[in-house]
N, C-alpha and C. Protein backbone atom coordinates (compact mmCIF):
# COMPACT_ATOMS: atom_id res chain seq x y z
N UNK A 1 0.84 -1.17 0.00
CA UNK A 1 0.00 0.00 0.00
C UNK A 1 0.89 1.24 0.00
N UNK A 2 0.51 2.25 -0.76
CA UNK A 2 1.28 3.48 -0.86
C UNK A 2 1.17 4.28 0.43
N UNK A 3 2.21 5.00 0.74
CA UNK A 3 2.20 5.87 1.92
C UNK A 3 1.30 7.05 1.65
N UNK A 4 0.45 7.39 2.60
CA UNK A 4 -0.49 8.48 2.39
C UNK A 4 0.19 9.84 2.47
N UNK A 5 -0.41 10.81 1.79
CA UNK A 5 0.08 12.18 1.83
C UNK A 5 0.10 12.68 3.27
N UNK A 6 -0.91 12.31 4.05
CA UNK A 6 -0.96 12.73 5.45
C UNK A 6 0.29 12.29 6.21
N UNK A 7 0.70 11.05 6.00
CA UNK A 7 1.87 10.52 6.70
C UNK A 7 3.14 11.21 6.21
N UNK A 8 3.26 11.39 4.90
CA UNK A 8 4.45 12.05 4.34
C UNK A 8 4.58 13.46 4.90
N UNK A 9 3.49 14.23 4.86
CA UNK A 9 3.55 15.60 5.37
C UNK A 9 3.87 15.64 6.86
N UNK A 10 3.29 14.72 7.61
CA UNK A 10 3.57 14.67 9.05
C UNK A 10 5.05 14.39 9.32
N UNK A 11 5.60 13.40 8.61
CA UNK A 11 6.99 13.02 8.83
C UNK A 11 7.96 14.10 8.36
N UNK A 12 7.67 14.72 7.22
CA UNK A 12 8.54 15.78 6.71
C UNK A 12 8.59 16.96 7.69
N UNK A 13 7.47 17.22 8.34
CA UNK A 13 7.41 18.32 9.31
C UNK A 13 7.85 17.90 10.71
N UNK A 14 8.28 16.65 10.84
CA UNK A 14 8.79 16.11 12.10
C UNK A 14 7.76 16.17 13.22
N UNK A 15 6.51 15.84 12.88
CA UNK A 15 5.45 15.76 13.88
C UNK A 15 5.18 14.30 14.20
N UNK A 16 4.78 14.04 15.42
CA UNK A 16 4.38 12.68 15.80
C UNK A 16 2.88 12.54 15.56
N UNK A 17 2.43 11.29 15.47
CA UNK A 17 0.99 11.05 15.37
C UNK A 17 0.29 11.59 16.61
N UNK A 18 0.91 11.43 17.77
CA UNK A 18 0.31 11.95 19.01
C UNK A 18 0.07 13.45 18.92
N UNK A 19 1.08 14.20 18.46
CA UNK A 19 0.94 15.65 18.38
C UNK A 19 -0.19 16.05 17.44
N UNK A 20 -0.18 15.51 16.22
CA UNK A 20 -1.20 15.88 15.25
C UNK A 20 -2.58 15.47 15.75
N UNK A 21 -2.68 14.27 16.29
CA UNK A 21 -3.97 13.77 16.77
C UNK A 21 -4.51 14.61 17.92
N UNK A 22 -3.72 14.74 18.96
CA UNK A 22 -4.23 15.36 20.19
C UNK A 22 -4.20 16.88 20.16
N UNK A 23 -3.11 17.48 19.69
CA UNK A 23 -2.97 18.94 19.74
C UNK A 23 -3.69 19.65 18.59
N UNK A 24 -3.71 19.03 17.43
CA UNK A 24 -4.30 19.69 16.26
C UNK A 24 -5.75 19.26 16.06
N UNK A 25 -6.00 17.96 16.10
CA UNK A 25 -7.34 17.45 15.77
C UNK A 25 -8.20 17.13 16.99
N UNK A 26 -7.59 16.98 18.15
CA UNK A 26 -8.37 16.65 19.35
C UNK A 26 -8.94 15.25 19.33
N UNK A 27 -8.19 14.31 18.74
CA UNK A 27 -8.61 12.91 18.67
C UNK A 27 -7.49 12.03 19.22
N UNK A 28 -7.74 10.75 19.37
CA UNK A 28 -6.71 9.84 19.87
C UNK A 28 -5.70 9.53 18.77
N UNK A 29 -4.51 9.09 19.20
CA UNK A 29 -3.47 8.70 18.25
C UNK A 29 -3.94 7.53 17.39
N UNK A 30 -4.65 6.58 17.98
CA UNK A 30 -5.14 5.42 17.23
C UNK A 30 -6.12 5.84 16.14
N UNK A 31 -6.98 6.79 16.46
CA UNK A 31 -7.94 7.29 15.46
C UNK A 31 -7.19 7.99 14.33
N UNK A 32 -6.17 8.78 14.68
CA UNK A 32 -5.40 9.47 13.65
C UNK A 32 -4.64 8.47 12.77
N UNK A 33 -4.10 7.42 13.38
CA UNK A 33 -3.39 6.39 12.60
C UNK A 33 -4.33 5.79 11.56
N UNK A 34 -5.60 5.60 11.92
CA UNK A 34 -6.58 5.07 10.95
C UNK A 34 -6.84 6.09 9.84
N UNK A 35 -6.83 7.39 10.17
CA UNK A 35 -7.02 8.41 9.14
C UNK A 35 -5.85 8.42 8.16
N UNK A 36 -4.64 8.26 8.68
CA UNK A 36 -3.47 8.20 7.79
C UNK A 36 -3.57 6.99 6.86
N UNK A 37 -4.05 5.88 7.38
CA UNK A 37 -4.18 4.67 6.58
C UNK A 37 -5.32 4.77 5.57
N UNK A 38 -6.36 5.52 5.91
CA UNK A 38 -7.53 5.66 5.03
C UNK A 38 -8.01 7.11 5.06
N UNK A 39 -7.33 8.00 4.30
CA UNK A 39 -7.68 9.42 4.33
C UNK A 39 -9.10 9.74 3.86
N UNK A 40 -9.77 8.80 3.23
CA UNK A 40 -11.14 9.03 2.78
C UNK A 40 -12.09 9.23 3.96
N UNK A 41 -11.66 8.84 5.17
CA UNK A 41 -12.52 8.94 6.36
C UNK A 41 -12.40 10.30 7.05
N UNK A 42 -11.53 11.17 6.55
CA UNK A 42 -11.30 12.46 7.20
C UNK A 42 -12.50 13.38 7.03
N UNK A 43 -12.83 14.12 8.07
CA UNK A 43 -13.95 15.06 7.99
C UNK A 43 -13.47 16.38 7.38
N UNK A 44 -14.41 17.21 6.95
CA UNK A 44 -14.07 18.51 6.37
C UNK A 44 -13.33 19.38 7.39
N UNK A 45 -13.77 19.34 8.64
CA UNK A 45 -13.12 20.14 9.69
C UNK A 45 -11.69 19.67 9.92
N UNK A 46 -11.48 18.35 9.95
CA UNK A 46 -10.14 17.81 10.14
C UNK A 46 -9.25 18.17 8.95
N UNK A 47 -9.80 18.08 7.74
CA UNK A 47 -9.03 18.42 6.54
C UNK A 47 -8.59 19.88 6.59
N UNK A 48 -9.47 20.77 7.02
CA UNK A 48 -9.13 22.19 7.10
C UNK A 48 -8.02 22.43 8.12
N UNK A 49 -8.11 21.79 9.28
CA UNK A 49 -7.08 21.95 10.31
C UNK A 49 -5.72 21.45 9.82
N UNK A 50 -5.71 20.31 9.14
CA UNK A 50 -4.45 19.76 8.62
C UNK A 50 -3.92 20.61 7.47
N UNK A 51 -4.81 21.12 6.64
CA UNK A 51 -4.43 22.01 5.56
C UNK A 51 -3.73 23.25 6.12
N UNK A 52 -4.29 23.81 7.18
CA UNK A 52 -3.68 24.97 7.83
C UNK A 52 -2.33 24.62 8.45
N UNK A 53 -2.24 23.47 9.09
CA UNK A 53 -1.01 23.04 9.74
C UNK A 53 0.13 22.89 8.72
N UNK A 54 -0.16 22.21 7.61
CA UNK A 54 0.88 21.90 6.63
C UNK A 54 1.01 22.97 5.54
N UNK A 55 0.11 23.95 5.54
CA UNK A 55 0.12 25.03 4.55
C UNK A 55 0.02 24.49 3.12
N UNK A 56 -0.94 23.58 2.93
CA UNK A 56 -1.25 23.04 1.61
C UNK A 56 -2.76 23.11 1.41
N UNK A 57 -3.18 23.04 0.15
CA UNK A 57 -4.62 23.06 -0.11
C UNK A 57 -5.23 21.73 0.35
N UNK A 58 -6.52 21.76 0.59
CA UNK A 58 -7.21 20.53 0.98
C UNK A 58 -7.13 19.51 -0.16
N UNK A 59 -7.22 19.98 -1.40
CA UNK A 59 -7.12 19.08 -2.55
C UNK A 59 -5.77 18.36 -2.55
N UNK A 60 -4.68 19.10 -2.32
CA UNK A 60 -3.36 18.48 -2.27
C UNK A 60 -3.22 17.57 -1.06
N UNK A 61 -3.81 17.97 0.04
CA UNK A 61 -3.75 17.18 1.26
C UNK A 61 -4.37 15.80 1.06
N UNK A 62 -5.50 15.75 0.35
CA UNK A 62 -6.23 14.50 0.17
C UNK A 62 -5.90 13.78 -1.13
N UNK A 63 -5.00 14.35 -1.91
CA UNK A 63 -4.62 13.76 -3.19
C UNK A 63 -3.91 12.42 -2.98
N UNK A 64 -4.12 11.52 -3.92
CA UNK A 64 -3.42 10.24 -3.88
C UNK A 64 -2.06 10.34 -4.55
N UNK A 65 -1.80 11.47 -5.22
CA UNK A 65 -0.50 11.67 -5.86
C UNK A 65 0.55 11.94 -4.80
N UNK A 66 1.78 11.59 -5.11
CA UNK A 66 2.88 11.86 -4.18
C UNK A 66 3.08 13.36 -4.07
N UNK A 67 3.11 13.89 -2.85
CA UNK A 67 3.25 15.34 -2.71
C UNK A 67 4.65 15.82 -3.08
N UNK A 68 4.72 17.06 -3.59
CA UNK A 68 6.00 17.71 -3.83
C UNK A 68 6.33 18.49 -2.56
N UNK A 69 7.45 18.17 -1.99
CA UNK A 69 7.82 18.78 -0.72
C UNK A 69 8.97 19.74 -0.95
N UNK A 70 8.82 20.98 -0.50
CA UNK A 70 9.87 21.98 -0.58
C UNK A 70 10.47 22.14 0.81
N UNK A 71 11.77 21.98 0.90
CA UNK A 71 12.42 22.09 2.19
C UNK A 71 12.88 23.50 2.44
N UNK A 72 12.88 23.89 3.69
CA UNK A 72 13.37 25.20 4.10
C UNK A 72 14.54 24.99 5.04
N UNK A 73 15.53 25.88 4.93
CA UNK A 73 16.64 25.80 5.86
C UNK A 73 16.33 26.68 7.06
N UNK A 74 16.80 26.26 8.21
CA UNK A 74 16.57 27.03 9.43
C UNK A 74 17.92 27.43 10.01
N UNK A 75 18.02 28.66 10.39
CA UNK A 75 19.23 29.10 11.08
C UNK A 75 18.83 29.71 12.40
N UNK A 76 19.66 29.51 13.39
CA UNK A 76 19.37 30.03 14.72
C UNK A 76 19.95 31.44 14.82
N UNK A 77 19.16 32.36 15.32
CA UNK A 77 19.65 33.72 15.52
C UNK A 77 19.31 34.18 16.92
N UNK A 78 20.11 35.03 17.47
CA UNK A 78 19.86 35.55 18.81
C UNK A 78 19.05 36.82 18.69
N UNK A 79 17.97 36.89 19.42
CA UNK A 79 17.13 38.08 19.44
C UNK A 79 17.81 39.10 20.34
N UNK A 80 18.19 40.26 19.78
CA UNK A 80 18.95 41.24 20.54
C UNK A 80 18.13 41.91 21.63
N UNK A 81 16.81 41.86 21.54
CA UNK A 81 15.99 42.54 22.54
C UNK A 81 15.97 41.83 23.88
N UNK A 82 15.77 40.52 23.86
CA UNK A 82 15.63 39.84 25.15
C UNK A 82 16.49 38.59 25.29
N UNK A 83 17.39 38.34 24.37
CA UNK A 83 18.29 37.21 24.48
C UNK A 83 17.67 35.87 24.14
N UNK A 84 16.39 35.85 23.74
CA UNK A 84 15.76 34.59 23.36
C UNK A 84 16.28 34.13 22.01
N UNK A 85 16.35 32.83 21.85
CA UNK A 85 16.79 32.28 20.57
C UNK A 85 15.56 31.99 19.73
N UNK A 86 15.60 32.40 18.47
CA UNK A 86 14.48 32.15 17.56
C UNK A 86 14.99 31.55 16.27
N UNK A 87 14.07 31.16 15.41
CA UNK A 87 14.43 30.57 14.14
C UNK A 87 14.08 31.51 13.01
N UNK A 88 14.99 31.65 12.06
CA UNK A 88 14.74 32.44 10.86
C UNK A 88 14.74 31.45 9.71
N UNK A 89 13.65 31.41 8.96
CA UNK A 89 13.55 30.46 7.86
C UNK A 89 13.81 31.16 6.54
N UNK A 90 14.53 30.49 5.67
CA UNK A 90 14.74 31.02 4.32
C UNK A 90 14.45 29.91 3.33
N UNK A 91 13.78 30.26 2.25
CA UNK A 91 13.40 29.29 1.23
C UNK A 91 14.63 28.87 0.44
N UNK A 92 14.77 27.57 0.20
CA UNK A 92 15.86 27.08 -0.63
C UNK A 92 15.31 26.74 -2.00
N UNK A 93 16.20 26.63 -2.97
CA UNK A 93 15.77 26.26 -4.32
C UNK A 93 15.21 24.86 -4.30
N UNK A 94 14.07 24.68 -4.98
CA UNK A 94 13.42 23.38 -4.97
C UNK A 94 14.23 22.37 -5.80
N UNK A 95 14.81 22.83 -6.89
CA UNK A 95 15.57 21.94 -7.76
C UNK A 95 16.92 22.56 -8.06
N UNK A 96 17.94 21.74 -8.14
CA UNK A 96 19.22 22.25 -8.58
C UNK A 96 19.31 22.15 -10.10
N UNK A 97 20.37 22.67 -10.68
CA UNK A 97 20.50 22.71 -12.14
C UNK A 97 20.52 21.32 -12.76
N UNK A 98 21.19 20.36 -12.13
CA UNK A 98 21.26 19.01 -12.68
C UNK A 98 19.87 18.38 -12.74
N UNK A 99 19.10 18.55 -11.69
CA UNK A 99 17.74 18.02 -11.66
C UNK A 99 16.90 18.64 -12.76
N UNK A 100 17.02 19.96 -12.93
CA UNK A 100 16.26 20.66 -13.97
C UNK A 100 16.65 20.14 -15.36
N UNK A 101 17.93 19.91 -15.59
CA UNK A 101 18.39 19.41 -16.88
C UNK A 101 17.79 18.03 -17.16
N UNK A 102 17.83 17.15 -16.16
CA UNK A 102 17.28 15.80 -16.32
C UNK A 102 15.78 15.87 -16.59
N UNK A 103 15.07 16.73 -15.86
CA UNK A 103 13.62 16.87 -16.07
C UNK A 103 13.30 17.39 -17.46
N UNK A 104 14.08 18.35 -17.95
CA UNK A 104 13.87 18.87 -19.30
C UNK A 104 14.09 17.77 -20.34
N UNK A 105 15.16 16.99 -20.16
CA UNK A 105 15.44 15.90 -21.10
C UNK A 105 14.32 14.87 -21.09
N UNK A 106 13.83 14.53 -19.91
CA UNK A 106 12.72 13.57 -19.81
C UNK A 106 11.47 14.14 -20.47
N UNK A 107 11.21 15.41 -20.27
CA UNK A 107 10.05 16.05 -20.87
C UNK A 107 10.14 16.03 -22.39
N UNK A 108 11.32 16.35 -22.93
CA UNK A 108 11.51 16.33 -24.38
C UNK A 108 11.30 14.92 -24.93
N UNK A 109 11.82 13.92 -24.23
CA UNK A 109 11.64 12.53 -24.66
C UNK A 109 10.16 12.14 -24.65
N UNK A 110 9.44 12.53 -23.61
CA UNK A 110 8.01 12.22 -23.53
C UNK A 110 7.23 12.90 -24.65
N UNK A 111 7.58 14.13 -24.97
CA UNK A 111 6.91 14.84 -26.08
C UNK A 111 7.17 14.11 -27.39
N UNK A 112 8.41 13.68 -27.60
CA UNK A 112 8.76 12.95 -28.82
C UNK A 112 7.98 11.63 -28.90
N UNK A 113 7.93 10.90 -27.79
CA UNK A 113 7.21 9.63 -27.77
C UNK A 113 5.71 9.85 -28.00
N UNK A 114 5.17 10.88 -27.42
CA UNK A 114 3.76 11.21 -27.60
C UNK A 114 3.45 11.52 -29.06
N UNK A 115 4.33 12.28 -29.71
CA UNK A 115 4.15 12.62 -31.12
C UNK A 115 4.18 11.35 -31.98
N UNK A 116 5.14 10.47 -31.69
CA UNK A 116 5.25 9.22 -32.45
C UNK A 116 4.00 8.36 -32.25
N UNK A 117 3.50 8.29 -31.04
CA UNK A 117 2.28 7.51 -30.78
C UNK A 117 1.08 8.09 -31.51
N UNK A 118 0.98 9.40 -31.54
CA UNK A 118 -0.14 10.04 -32.26
C UNK A 118 -0.07 9.73 -33.75
N UNK A 119 1.13 9.72 -34.32
CA UNK A 119 1.29 9.38 -35.73
C UNK A 119 0.91 7.93 -35.98
N UNK A 120 1.28 7.03 -35.07
CA UNK A 120 0.91 5.62 -35.22
C UNK A 120 -0.60 5.43 -35.13
N UNK A 121 -1.24 6.14 -34.23
CA UNK A 121 -2.69 6.05 -34.09
C UNK A 121 -3.36 6.52 -35.37
N UNK A 122 -2.88 7.62 -35.94
CA UNK A 122 -3.44 8.12 -37.19
C UNK A 122 -3.27 7.11 -38.31
N UNK A 123 -2.06 6.52 -38.39
CA UNK A 123 -1.79 5.53 -39.44
C UNK A 123 -2.67 4.30 -39.27
N UNK A 124 -2.81 3.82 -38.05
CA UNK A 124 -3.65 2.66 -37.79
C UNK A 124 -5.11 2.98 -38.03
N UNK A 125 -5.52 4.18 -37.69
CA UNK A 125 -6.90 4.59 -37.92
C UNK A 125 -7.25 4.55 -39.40
N UNK A 126 -6.34 4.98 -40.25
CA UNK A 126 -6.56 4.94 -41.69
C UNK A 126 -6.63 3.52 -42.21
N UNK A 127 -5.79 2.63 -41.70
CA UNK A 127 -5.79 1.23 -42.12
C UNK A 127 -7.06 0.53 -41.67
N UNK A 128 -7.53 0.84 -40.45
CA UNK A 128 -8.74 0.21 -39.94
C UNK A 128 -9.96 0.67 -40.74
N UNK A 129 -9.97 1.90 -41.18
CA UNK A 129 -11.10 2.43 -41.95
C UNK A 129 -11.19 1.75 -43.31
N UNK A 130 -10.04 1.34 -43.89
CA UNK A 130 -10.03 0.71 -45.21
C UNK A 130 -10.21 -0.80 -45.14
N UNK A 131 -10.25 -1.36 -43.94
CA UNK A 131 -10.38 -2.81 -43.80
C UNK A 131 -11.79 -3.27 -44.02
């Protein structure tokens, strides 16, 4: 069975099932584990709370497609006002140049294959019509 988007998002954000279940949704960990295993059982209210937590749309949250995860780097900085330590987040590039090059090459290959398939379908369509 494929890993659910709920589980992937929870793990990427370093949350436990206990935290998400009890602090965010107000349900037991066992109930939340069942939601991760079968996201179709999630209520609209639960979906909204999780959408807010993970900062994704409800559609993406409940999608069966593998989520695209963007990582952020965290650096620790000292707050000059009161000496408290806080986190400053900065967005990192989602893809490096090598990844982009590979994706472009794959895209070009898929376009070429799609064109060839369309030509074959047209050719076969003409032969079937004359049969």
